[in-house]
Amino acid sequence: MKNLKEYLIPFAGLKIGKHQFEYQVDKTFFELFDFHEYNDVAIIVEVILEKKSTMLELHFKHKGTINVPCDVTNEDFDLPVKGKLNLIVKFGEAFNNENEELLILPHGEFQVDVSQYIYESIVLSVPFKRVHPGVKEGTLNTEAIDKLESLAPKEQKENKEEDIDPRWAALKKLLTDK
C-alpha cells in the first residue's frame, strides 16, 4: 500500500476544534487496496476532524457514483452511493483497531491514516445486488432481457373444464347436487 500519504491527517499541529478535509476518490484508490470490482469511481469524501483535549472524533461522509455491471443483464451503469461513518480516536499504550468505531493510537503519534476507513465505508455502502435502473423500470432493451423474456414460461389459457378427467367429473356432480 503505497501512495496513501495524502490520506494521512497530521493532527498534532491542529488547534482544538473542527477541521474539514476533502478527498476525491477514483479507481486508482481502490487499486491500491488490490480491489478491482468497480469499472470506474467518482466519489467525494468529506472528513470532519473534531480535535478535543484527550481524543479525536472523525466524521466521514461520502457521495458519488460507481460504475458497475448489472447482476441481471451484465450492462455497465453508474450506481449512486452515499454513506456516513463515525470514528473515535483515543490514545493508549499500543495501536488497536479491533473495534470498528474506536481506534486507539499509541501516545506520541502525530497523524492518523484515514484511507482504510474511507475504503471500508465506500465498499459497505454499495448494495450487494446491483440492478440497472432500466431493468426495474422496464425501459432497458438488451439481448439479455430479450432472451430472458423468450425463455419465460408461457401462461396457458385453456378451458379448465376440458382438462378434467371424466372420473372426477362424476364426483364433482355430487358436490353440486346438495
N, C-alpha and C. Protein backbone atom coordinates (compact mmCIF):
# COMPACT_ATOMS: atom_id res chain seq x y z
N MET A 1 0.84 -1.17 0.00
CA MET A 1 0.00 0.00 0.00
C MET A 1 0.89 1.24 0.00
N LYS A 2 1.07 1.75 -1.18
CA LYS A 2 1.87 2.95 -1.32
C LYS A 2 1.02 4.09 -1.84
N ASN A 3 1.55 5.25 -1.84
CA ASN A 3 0.88 6.46 -2.32
C ASN A 3 -0.37 6.81 -1.52
N LEU A 4 -0.39 6.45 -0.26
CA LEU A 4 -1.52 6.80 0.59
C LEU A 4 -1.16 7.95 1.53
N LYS A 5 -0.09 8.69 1.22
CA LYS A 5 0.34 9.78 2.09
C LYS A 5 -0.69 10.89 2.16
N GLU A 6 -1.46 11.09 1.09
CA GLU A 6 -2.46 12.15 1.10
C GLU A 6 -3.62 11.85 2.05
N TYR A 7 -3.72 10.60 2.49
CA TYR A 7 -4.79 10.21 3.42
C TYR A 7 -4.31 10.20 4.87
N LEU A 8 -3.12 10.70 5.11
CA LEU A 8 -2.61 10.86 6.48
C LEU A 8 -2.98 12.26 6.96
N ILE A 9 -3.68 12.33 8.08
CA ILE A 9 -4.07 13.62 8.63
C ILE A 9 -3.17 13.92 9.83
N PRO A 10 -2.28 14.92 9.72
CA PRO A 10 -1.43 15.28 10.87
C PRO A 10 -2.24 16.16 11.84
N PHE A 11 -2.59 15.59 12.95
CA PHE A 11 -3.43 16.31 13.91
C PHE A 11 -2.62 17.02 14.98
N ALA A 12 -1.32 16.78 15.07
CA ALA A 12 -0.50 17.34 16.14
C ALA A 12 -0.47 18.87 16.09
N GLY A 13 -0.44 19.46 14.93
CA GLY A 13 -0.35 20.91 14.82
C GLY A 13 -1.70 21.62 14.74
N LEU A 14 -2.77 20.88 14.80
CA LEU A 14 -4.10 21.48 14.67
C LEU A 14 -4.59 22.03 16.00
N LYS A 15 -5.37 23.10 15.95
CA LYS A 15 -5.97 23.66 17.15
C LYS A 15 -7.17 22.82 17.57
N ILE A 16 -7.57 22.95 18.82
CA ILE A 16 -8.76 22.26 19.30
C ILE A 16 -9.98 22.85 18.58
N GLY A 17 -10.81 21.96 18.05
CA GLY A 17 -11.98 22.38 17.29
C GLY A 17 -12.17 21.51 16.06
N LYS A 18 -13.03 21.97 15.16
CA LYS A 18 -13.35 21.20 13.96
C LYS A 18 -12.48 21.62 12.78
N HIS A 19 -12.06 20.61 12.02
CA HIS A 19 -11.25 20.82 10.82
C HIS A 19 -11.81 19.93 9.71
N GLN A 20 -11.90 20.49 8.50
CA GLN A 20 -12.52 19.76 7.40
C GLN A 20 -11.48 19.38 6.35
N PHE A 21 -11.58 18.13 5.87
CA PHE A 21 -10.72 17.62 4.81
C PHE A 21 -11.61 17.02 3.73
N GLU A 22 -11.19 17.16 2.47
CA GLU A 22 -11.99 16.62 1.37
C GLU A 22 -11.09 15.83 0.44
N TYR A 23 -11.59 14.67 0.01
CA TYR A 23 -10.82 13.78 -0.86
C TYR A 23 -11.64 13.41 -2.08
N GLN A 24 -10.98 13.39 -3.23
CA GLN A 24 -11.58 12.90 -4.47
C GLN A 24 -11.11 11.45 -4.64
N VAL A 25 -12.04 10.52 -4.58
CA VAL A 25 -11.69 9.11 -4.68
C VAL A 25 -12.04 8.61 -6.08
N ASP A 26 -11.07 7.95 -6.71
CA ASP A 26 -11.31 7.37 -8.03
C ASP A 26 -10.86 5.91 -8.05
N LYS A 27 -10.80 5.33 -9.22
CA LYS A 27 -10.49 3.90 -9.35
C LYS A 27 -9.08 3.57 -8.85
N THR A 28 -8.14 4.49 -9.00
CA THR A 28 -6.77 4.22 -8.57
C THR A 28 -6.67 4.01 -7.06
N PHE A 29 -7.56 4.66 -6.30
CA PHE A 29 -7.59 4.47 -4.85
C PHE A 29 -7.88 3.01 -4.52
N PHE A 30 -8.85 2.41 -5.22
CA PHE A 30 -9.21 1.02 -4.95
C PHE A 30 -8.14 0.05 -5.45
N GLU A 31 -7.41 0.43 -6.49
CA GLU A 31 -6.32 -0.40 -6.98
C GLU A 31 -5.20 -0.50 -5.95
N LEU A 32 -5.02 0.54 -5.13
CA LEU A 32 -4.02 0.49 -4.07
C LEU A 32 -4.36 -0.56 -3.03
N PHE A 33 -5.67 -0.86 -2.89
CA PHE A 33 -6.12 -1.90 -1.97
C PHE A 33 -6.30 -3.25 -2.68
N ASP A 34 -5.88 -3.33 -3.95
CA ASP A 34 -6.00 -4.53 -4.78
C ASP A 34 -7.47 -4.97 -4.89
N PHE A 35 -8.33 -3.99 -5.15
CA PHE A 35 -9.78 -4.21 -5.28
C PHE A 35 -10.17 -3.75 -6.68
N HIS A 36 -10.55 -4.69 -7.55
CA HIS A 36 -10.80 -4.38 -8.95
C HIS A 36 -12.24 -4.69 -9.37
N GLU A 37 -13.18 -4.56 -8.47
CA GLU A 37 -14.57 -4.92 -8.77
C GLU A 37 -15.33 -3.80 -9.48
N TYR A 38 -14.87 -2.57 -9.39
CA TYR A 38 -15.57 -1.43 -9.98
C TYR A 38 -14.89 -1.01 -11.28
N ASN A 39 -15.72 -0.64 -12.29
CA ASN A 39 -15.18 -0.17 -13.56
C ASN A 39 -14.63 1.25 -13.44
N ASP A 40 -15.39 2.11 -12.75
CA ASP A 40 -14.98 3.50 -12.58
C ASP A 40 -15.57 4.02 -11.28
N VAL A 41 -14.90 4.97 -10.68
CA VAL A 41 -15.34 5.53 -9.39
C VAL A 41 -15.19 7.04 -9.43
N ALA A 42 -16.22 7.74 -8.96
CA ALA A 42 -16.15 9.20 -8.82
C ALA A 42 -16.89 9.57 -7.55
N ILE A 43 -16.16 9.63 -6.45
CA ILE A 43 -16.76 9.87 -5.14
C ILE A 43 -16.00 10.99 -4.43
N ILE A 44 -16.75 11.85 -3.76
CA ILE A 44 -16.17 12.90 -2.93
C ILE A 44 -16.38 12.49 -1.48
N VAL A 45 -15.29 12.45 -0.73
CA VAL A 45 -15.34 12.09 0.69
C VAL A 45 -15.01 13.33 1.51
N GLU A 46 -15.90 13.63 2.45
CA GLU A 46 -15.68 14.76 3.35
C GLU A 46 -15.40 14.20 4.75
N VAL A 47 -14.27 14.60 5.31
CA VAL A 47 -13.88 14.15 6.65
C VAL A 47 -13.83 15.38 7.55
N ILE A 48 -14.59 15.32 8.63
CA ILE A 48 -14.55 16.39 9.62
C ILE A 48 -13.86 15.83 10.86
N LEU A 49 -12.73 16.42 11.18
CA LEU A 49 -11.96 16.01 12.36
C LEU A 49 -12.25 17.01 13.46
N GLU A 50 -12.77 16.51 14.57
CA GLU A 50 -13.01 17.36 15.73
C GLU A 50 -11.97 17.00 16.79
N LYS A 51 -11.03 17.93 16.98
CA LYS A 51 -9.96 17.68 17.94
C LYS A 51 -10.40 18.17 19.32
N LYS A 52 -10.28 17.26 20.27
CA LYS A 52 -10.58 17.59 21.67
C LYS A 52 -9.30 17.40 22.47
N SER A 53 -9.32 17.73 23.73
CA SER A 53 -8.09 17.70 24.52
C SER A 53 -7.54 16.29 24.70
N THR A 54 -8.38 15.27 24.80
CA THR A 54 -7.89 13.92 25.05
C THR A 54 -8.20 12.93 23.94
N MET A 55 -8.96 13.36 22.94
CA MET A 55 -9.31 12.43 21.87
C MET A 55 -9.67 13.18 20.60
N LEU A 56 -9.89 12.42 19.52
CA LEU A 56 -10.30 12.96 18.23
C LEU A 56 -11.60 12.28 17.81
N GLU A 57 -12.46 13.03 17.15
CA GLU A 57 -13.66 12.46 16.56
C GLU A 57 -13.59 12.71 15.07
N LEU A 58 -13.75 11.64 14.29
CA LEU A 58 -13.73 11.74 12.84
C LEU A 58 -15.11 11.38 12.30
N HIS A 59 -15.65 12.25 11.45
CA HIS A 59 -16.95 12.02 10.82
C HIS A 59 -16.73 11.96 9.32
N PHE A 60 -16.96 10.78 8.73
CA PHE A 60 -16.78 10.58 7.30
C PHE A 60 -18.15 10.65 6.62
N LYS A 61 -18.20 11.32 5.48
CA LYS A 61 -19.42 11.38 4.68
C LYS A 61 -19.00 11.33 3.21
N HIS A 62 -19.58 10.39 2.46
CA HIS A 62 -19.21 10.29 1.05
C HIS A 62 -20.46 10.24 0.17
N LYS A 63 -20.27 10.72 -1.07
CA LYS A 63 -21.36 10.73 -2.04
C LYS A 63 -20.75 10.74 -3.43
N GLY A 64 -21.34 9.95 -4.34
CA GLY A 64 -20.83 9.90 -5.71
C GLY A 64 -21.41 8.73 -6.47
N THR A 65 -20.72 8.33 -7.53
CA THR A 65 -21.18 7.22 -8.35
C THR A 65 -20.06 6.21 -8.56
N ILE A 66 -20.49 4.96 -8.73
CA ILE A 66 -19.59 3.86 -9.03
C ILE A 66 -20.14 3.16 -10.26
N ASN A 67 -19.30 2.94 -11.27
CA ASN A 67 -19.73 2.25 -12.47
C ASN A 67 -19.50 0.75 -12.26
N VAL A 68 -20.60 -0.02 -12.25
CA VAL A 68 -20.54 -1.46 -12.00
C VAL A 68 -21.40 -2.19 -13.03
N PRO A 69 -21.15 -3.48 -13.25
CA PRO A 69 -22.02 -4.25 -14.13
C PRO A 69 -23.30 -4.66 -13.39
N CYS A 70 -24.40 -4.70 -14.13
CA CYS A 70 -25.68 -5.13 -13.57
C CYS A 70 -25.64 -6.64 -13.32
N ASP A 71 -26.21 -7.09 -12.22
CA ASP A 71 -26.23 -8.52 -11.90
C ASP A 71 -27.22 -9.29 -12.77
N VAL A 72 -28.18 -8.61 -13.38
CA VAL A 72 -29.18 -9.28 -14.22
C VAL A 72 -28.74 -9.31 -15.68
N THR A 73 -28.34 -8.16 -16.21
CA THR A 73 -28.05 -8.04 -17.64
C THR A 73 -26.57 -7.94 -17.97
N ASN A 74 -25.74 -7.72 -17.00
CA ASN A 74 -24.30 -7.52 -17.17
C ASN A 74 -23.98 -6.23 -17.93
N GLU A 75 -24.94 -5.31 -18.01
CA GLU A 75 -24.73 -3.99 -18.61
C GLU A 75 -24.08 -3.08 -17.57
N ASP A 76 -23.10 -2.29 -17.97
CA ASP A 76 -22.47 -1.34 -17.05
C ASP A 76 -23.39 -0.14 -16.83
N PHE A 77 -23.43 0.33 -15.59
CA PHE A 77 -24.23 1.52 -15.28
C PHE A 77 -23.63 2.22 -14.07
N ASP A 78 -23.96 3.52 -13.93
CA ASP A 78 -23.48 4.31 -12.80
C ASP A 78 -24.44 4.15 -11.63
N LEU A 79 -23.93 3.62 -10.53
CA LEU A 79 -24.71 3.38 -9.33
C LEU A 79 -24.43 4.50 -8.33
N PRO A 80 -25.44 5.28 -7.95
CA PRO A 80 -25.19 6.33 -6.94
C PRO A 80 -25.02 5.71 -5.55
N VAL A 81 -24.01 6.17 -4.83
CA VAL A 81 -23.76 5.69 -3.47
C VAL A 81 -23.55 6.87 -2.54
N LYS A 82 -23.92 6.67 -1.29
CA LYS A 82 -23.63 7.66 -0.25
C LYS A 82 -23.61 6.93 1.08
N GLY A 83 -22.92 7.53 2.04
CA GLY A 83 -22.83 6.89 3.34
C GLY A 83 -22.11 7.76 4.35
N LYS A 84 -22.18 7.30 5.61
CA LYS A 84 -21.55 8.00 6.73
C LYS A 84 -20.83 7.00 7.61
N LEU A 85 -19.83 7.48 8.31
CA LEU A 85 -19.09 6.67 9.26
C LEU A 85 -18.54 7.60 10.34
N ASN A 86 -18.68 7.20 11.59
CA ASN A 86 -18.13 7.97 12.71
C ASN A 86 -17.05 7.14 13.38
N LEU A 87 -15.95 7.79 13.74
CA LEU A 87 -14.83 7.11 14.35
C LEU A 87 -14.29 7.96 15.49
N ILE A 88 -14.03 7.32 16.61
CA ILE A 88 -13.43 7.99 17.76
C ILE A 88 -11.99 7.49 17.89
N VAL A 89 -11.07 8.43 18.02
CA VAL A 89 -9.65 8.10 18.16
C VAL A 89 -9.20 8.48 19.56
N LYS A 90 -8.73 7.49 20.30
CA LYS A 90 -8.19 7.72 21.64
C LYS A 90 -6.72 7.32 21.64
N PHE A 91 -6.06 7.65 22.72
CA PHE A 91 -4.64 7.36 22.84
C PHE A 91 -4.41 6.37 23.97
N GLY A 92 -3.53 5.39 23.72
CA GLY A 92 -3.25 4.35 24.71
C GLY A 92 -1.83 3.85 24.57
N GLU A 93 -1.58 2.67 25.13
CA GLU A 93 -0.24 2.09 25.13
C GLU A 93 0.16 1.55 23.76
N ALA A 94 -0.79 0.90 23.06
CA ALA A 94 -0.45 0.28 21.79
C ALA A 94 -1.56 0.53 20.76
N PHE A 95 -1.21 0.38 19.49
CA PHE A 95 -2.17 0.54 18.40
C PHE A 95 -3.23 -0.55 18.48
N ASN A 96 -4.51 -0.17 18.33
CA ASN A 96 -5.60 -1.14 18.39
C ASN A 96 -6.75 -0.64 17.52
N ASN A 97 -7.08 -1.40 16.49
CA ASN A 97 -8.20 -1.04 15.63
C ASN A 97 -9.21 -2.18 15.53
N GLU A 98 -9.33 -2.97 16.59
CA GLU A 98 -10.24 -4.11 16.59
C GLU A 98 -11.70 -3.67 16.59
N ASN A 99 -12.01 -2.56 17.21
CA ASN A 99 -13.39 -2.06 17.25
C ASN A 99 -13.59 -1.16 16.03
N GLU A 100 -14.73 -1.32 15.34
CA GLU A 100 -14.96 -0.55 14.12
C GLU A 100 -15.27 0.91 14.37
N GLU A 101 -15.64 1.28 15.57
CA GLU A 101 -15.97 2.67 15.89
C GLU A 101 -14.93 3.34 16.77
N LEU A 102 -13.90 2.60 17.17
CA LEU A 102 -12.89 3.13 18.08
C LEU A 102 -11.50 2.74 17.59
N LEU A 103 -10.63 3.72 17.48
CA LEU A 103 -9.24 3.48 17.10
C LEU A 103 -8.37 3.98 18.24
N ILE A 104 -7.45 3.15 18.69
CA ILE A 104 -6.53 3.54 19.75
C ILE A 104 -5.14 3.68 19.13
N LEU A 105 -4.58 4.88 19.23
CA LEU A 105 -3.24 5.17 18.73
C LEU A 105 -2.28 5.24 19.91
N PRO A 106 -1.01 4.85 19.71
CA PRO A 106 -0.04 4.95 20.79
C PRO A 106 0.24 6.42 21.16
N HIS A 107 0.58 6.66 22.40
CA HIS A 107 0.96 8.01 22.83
C HIS A 107 2.15 8.48 22.00
N GLY A 108 2.16 9.73 21.62
CA GLY A 108 3.25 10.28 20.82
C GLY A 108 2.96 10.23 19.33
N GLU A 109 1.90 9.58 18.92
CA GLU A 109 1.53 9.56 17.48
C GLU A 109 1.05 10.95 17.09
N PHE A 110 1.40 11.38 15.89
CA PHE A 110 1.06 12.73 15.47
C PHE A 110 0.17 12.79 14.24
N GLN A 111 -0.16 11.63 13.64
CA GLN A 111 -1.03 11.62 12.47
C GLN A 111 -1.89 10.35 12.47
N VAL A 112 -3.01 10.43 11.74
CA VAL A 112 -3.92 9.29 11.65
C VAL A 112 -4.15 9.00 10.16
N ASP A 113 -4.12 7.71 9.81
CA ASP A 113 -4.35 7.27 8.43
C ASP A 113 -5.84 6.96 8.27
N VAL A 114 -6.52 7.69 7.39
CA VAL A 114 -7.97 7.51 7.20
C VAL A 114 -8.29 6.70 5.95
N SER A 115 -7.30 6.24 5.21
CA SER A 115 -7.54 5.55 3.94
C SER A 115 -8.35 4.27 4.13
N GLN A 116 -8.05 3.47 5.14
CA GLN A 116 -8.77 2.21 5.37
C GLN A 116 -10.24 2.48 5.70
N TYR A 117 -10.51 3.52 6.45
CA TYR A 117 -11.89 3.84 6.82
C TYR A 117 -12.68 4.39 5.63
N ILE A 118 -12.02 5.15 4.76
CA ILE A 118 -12.66 5.62 3.53
C ILE A 118 -12.99 4.43 2.63
N TYR A 119 -12.03 3.53 2.48
CA TYR A 119 -12.22 2.34 1.66
C TYR A 119 -13.41 1.50 2.17
N GLU A 120 -13.42 1.23 3.47
CA GLU A 120 -14.48 0.38 4.04
C GLU A 120 -15.85 1.04 3.96
N SER A 121 -15.93 2.34 4.22
CA SER A 121 -17.24 2.99 4.19
C SER A 121 -17.81 3.01 2.77
N ILE A 122 -16.98 3.17 1.75
CA ILE A 122 -17.47 3.17 0.38
C ILE A 122 -17.89 1.76 -0.04
N VAL A 123 -17.06 0.77 0.22
CA VAL A 123 -17.37 -0.60 -0.17
C VAL A 123 -18.64 -1.09 0.52
N LEU A 124 -18.81 -0.74 1.78
CA LEU A 124 -20.00 -1.18 2.51
C LEU A 124 -21.27 -0.43 2.11
N SER A 125 -21.14 0.70 1.45
CA SER A 125 -22.32 1.44 1.02
C SER A 125 -22.85 0.97 -0.34
N VAL A 126 -22.08 0.14 -1.04
CA VAL A 126 -22.53 -0.40 -2.32
C VAL A 126 -23.44 -1.59 -2.05
N PRO A 127 -24.64 -1.61 -2.64
CA PRO A 127 -25.55 -2.72 -2.37
C PRO A 127 -25.00 -4.06 -2.85
N PHE A 128 -25.42 -5.11 -2.19
CA PHE A 128 -24.95 -6.46 -2.55
C PHE A 128 -25.47 -6.86 -3.93
N LYS A 129 -26.73 -6.56 -4.21
CA LYS A 129 -27.31 -6.86 -5.52
C LYS A 129 -27.41 -5.56 -6.30
N ARG A 130 -26.75 -5.52 -7.44
CA ARG A 130 -26.71 -4.31 -8.26
C ARG A 130 -27.57 -4.52 -9.50
N VAL A 131 -28.69 -3.80 -9.57
CA VAL A 131 -29.62 -3.95 -10.69
C VAL A 131 -29.73 -2.61 -11.42
N HIS A 132 -29.57 -2.65 -12.73
CA HIS A 132 -29.67 -1.47 -13.58
C HIS A 132 -31.04 -0.82 -13.39
N PRO A 133 -31.12 0.51 -13.25
CA PRO A 133 -32.42 1.17 -13.06
C PRO A 133 -33.38 0.91 -14.22
N GLY A 134 -32.88 0.69 -15.42
CA GLY A 134 -33.73 0.39 -16.57
C GLY A 134 -34.42 -0.96 -16.45
N VAL A 135 -33.83 -1.89 -15.72
CA VAL A 135 -34.45 -3.20 -15.50
C VAL A 135 -35.64 -3.03 -14.56
N LYS A 136 -35.47 -2.25 -13.51
CA LYS A 136 -36.56 -2.03 -12.55
C LYS A 136 -37.73 -1.31 -13.20
N GLU A 137 -37.44 -0.33 -14.07
CA GLU A 137 -38.49 0.45 -14.72
C GLU A 137 -39.07 -0.26 -15.93
N GLY A 138 -38.35 -1.24 -16.47
CA GLY A 138 -38.80 -1.94 -17.66
C GLY A 138 -38.46 -1.23 -18.95
N THR A 139 -37.54 -0.27 -18.91
CA THR A 139 -37.20 0.51 -20.10
C THR A 139 -35.91 0.05 -20.76
N LEU A 140 -35.18 -0.87 -20.16
CA LEU A 140 -33.90 -1.30 -20.71
C LEU A 140 -34.13 -2.41 -21.74
N ASN A 141 -33.62 -2.21 -22.95
CA ASN A 141 -33.72 -3.22 -24.00
C ASN A 141 -32.33 -3.73 -24.32
N THR A 142 -32.05 -4.95 -23.91
CA THR A 142 -30.76 -5.57 -24.20
C THR A 142 -31.01 -7.00 -24.66
N GLU A 143 -29.97 -7.63 -25.16
CA GLU A 143 -30.08 -9.02 -25.59
C GLU A 143 -30.42 -9.92 -24.42
N ALA A 144 -29.87 -9.64 -23.25
CA ALA A 144 -30.12 -10.48 -22.08
C ALA A 144 -31.58 -10.43 -21.67
N ILE A 145 -32.19 -9.25 -21.66
CA ILE A 145 -33.60 -9.12 -21.29
C ILE A 145 -34.47 -9.82 -22.33
N ASP A 146 -34.16 -9.65 -23.62
CA ASP A 146 -34.94 -10.31 -24.68
C ASP A 146 -34.86 -11.83 -24.55
N LYS A 147 -33.69 -12.34 -24.24
CA LYS A 147 -33.51 -13.79 -24.08
C LYS A 147 -34.27 -14.31 -22.86
N LEU A 148 -34.22 -13.55 -21.75
CA LEU A 148 -34.97 -13.96 -20.56
C LEU A 148 -36.47 -13.99 -20.82
N GLU A 149 -36.96 -13.01 -21.57
CA GLU A 149 -38.39 -12.97 -21.88
C GLU A 149 -38.79 -14.11 -22.81
N SER A 150 -37.91 -14.48 -23.75
CA SER A 150 -38.24 -15.57 -24.66
C SER A 150 -38.22 -16.92 -23.95
N LEU A 151 -37.42 -17.04 -22.90
CA LEU A 151 -37.35 -18.29 -22.15
C LEU A 151 -38.33 -18.37 -20.99
N ALA A 152 -39.05 -17.30 -20.75
CA ALA A 152 -40.01 -17.29 -19.64
C ALA A 152 -41.16 -18.26 -19.95
N PRO A 153 -41.71 -18.90 -18.92
CA PRO A 153 -42.82 -19.84 -19.16
C PRO A 153 -44.05 -19.10 -19.67
N LYS A 154 -44.70 -19.71 -20.66
CA LYS A 154 -45.90 -19.12 -21.23
C LYS A 154 -47.11 -19.51 -20.39
N GLU A 155 -48.05 -18.59 -20.24
CA GLU A 155 -49.27 -18.88 -19.49
C GLU A 155 -50.22 -19.67 -20.36
N GLN A 156 -50.84 -20.66 -19.77
CA GLN A 156 -51.80 -21.48 -20.51
C GLN A 156 -53.20 -20.98 -20.21
N LYS A 157 -53.92 -20.58 -21.27
CA LYS A 157 -55.27 -20.07 -21.12
C LYS A 157 -56.26 -21.05 -21.74
N GLU A 158 -56.23 -22.28 -21.27
CA GLU A 158 -57.14 -23.29 -21.80
C GLU A 158 -58.33 -23.41 -20.87
N ASN A 159 -59.38 -23.95 -21.39
CA ASN A 159 -60.59 -24.14 -20.61
C ASN A 159 -60.34 -25.24 -19.59
N LYS A 160 -60.61 -24.97 -18.34
CA LYS A 160 -60.35 -25.93 -17.28
C LYS A 160 -61.31 -27.11 -17.34
N GLU A 161 -62.52 -26.92 -17.89
CA GLU A 161 -63.49 -27.99 -17.98
C GLU A 161 -62.99 -29.11 -18.89
N GLU A 162 -62.22 -28.77 -19.92
CA GLU A 162 -61.73 -29.78 -20.85
C GLU A 162 -60.64 -30.63 -20.23
N ASP A 163 -59.92 -30.10 -19.26
CA ASP A 163 -58.81 -30.82 -18.65
C ASP A 163 -59.23 -31.79 -17.55
N ILE A 164 -60.51 -31.76 -17.16
CA ILE A 164 -60.95 -32.58 -16.04
C ILE A 164 -61.14 -34.03 -16.52
N ASP A 165 -60.60 -34.93 -15.76
CA ASP A 165 -60.76 -36.36 -16.03
C ASP A 165 -62.24 -36.72 -15.85
N PRO A 166 -62.84 -37.50 -16.75
CA PRO A 166 -64.27 -37.82 -16.63
C PRO A 166 -64.62 -38.55 -15.33
N ARG A 167 -63.69 -39.26 -14.75
CA ARG A 167 -63.97 -39.94 -13.48
C ARG A 167 -64.19 -38.93 -12.37
N TRP A 168 -63.43 -37.82 -12.41
CA TRP A 168 -63.57 -36.79 -11.39
C TRP A 168 -64.80 -35.94 -11.65
N ALA A 169 -65.23 -35.83 -12.88
CA ALA A 169 -66.42 -35.05 -13.21
C ALA A 169 -67.64 -35.61 -12.50
N ALA A 170 -67.72 -36.93 -12.43
CA ALA A 170 -68.85 -37.56 -11.74
C ALA A 170 -68.82 -37.23 -10.25
N LEU A 171 -67.66 -37.15 -9.68
CA LEU A 171 -67.55 -36.81 -8.26
C LEU A 171 -67.92 -35.35 -8.02
N LYS A 172 -67.59 -34.47 -8.97
CA LYS A 172 -67.93 -33.05 -8.83
C LYS A 172 -69.44 -32.85 -8.83
N LYS A 173 -70.16 -33.73 -9.54
CA LYS A 173 -71.62 -33.64 -9.56
C LYS A 173 -72.18 -33.84 -8.16
N LEU A 174 -71.55 -34.70 -7.38
CA LEU A 174 -72.01 -34.95 -6.02
C LEU A 174 -71.93 -33.71 -5.16
N LEU A 175 -70.90 -32.87 -5.41
CA LEU A 175 -70.74 -31.63 -4.64
C LEU A 175 -71.85 -30.63 -5.00
N THR A 176 -72.26 -30.59 -6.25
CA THR A 176 -73.26 -29.61 -6.66
C THR A 176 -74.69 -30.08 -6.49
N ASP A 177 -74.90 -31.37 -6.24
CA ASP A 177 -76.25 -31.91 -6.09
C ASP A 177 -76.82 -31.67 -4.70
N LYS A 178 -76.14 -31.12 -3.79
CA LYS A 178 -76.60 -30.97 -2.41
C LYS A 178 -77.81 -30.16 -2.31
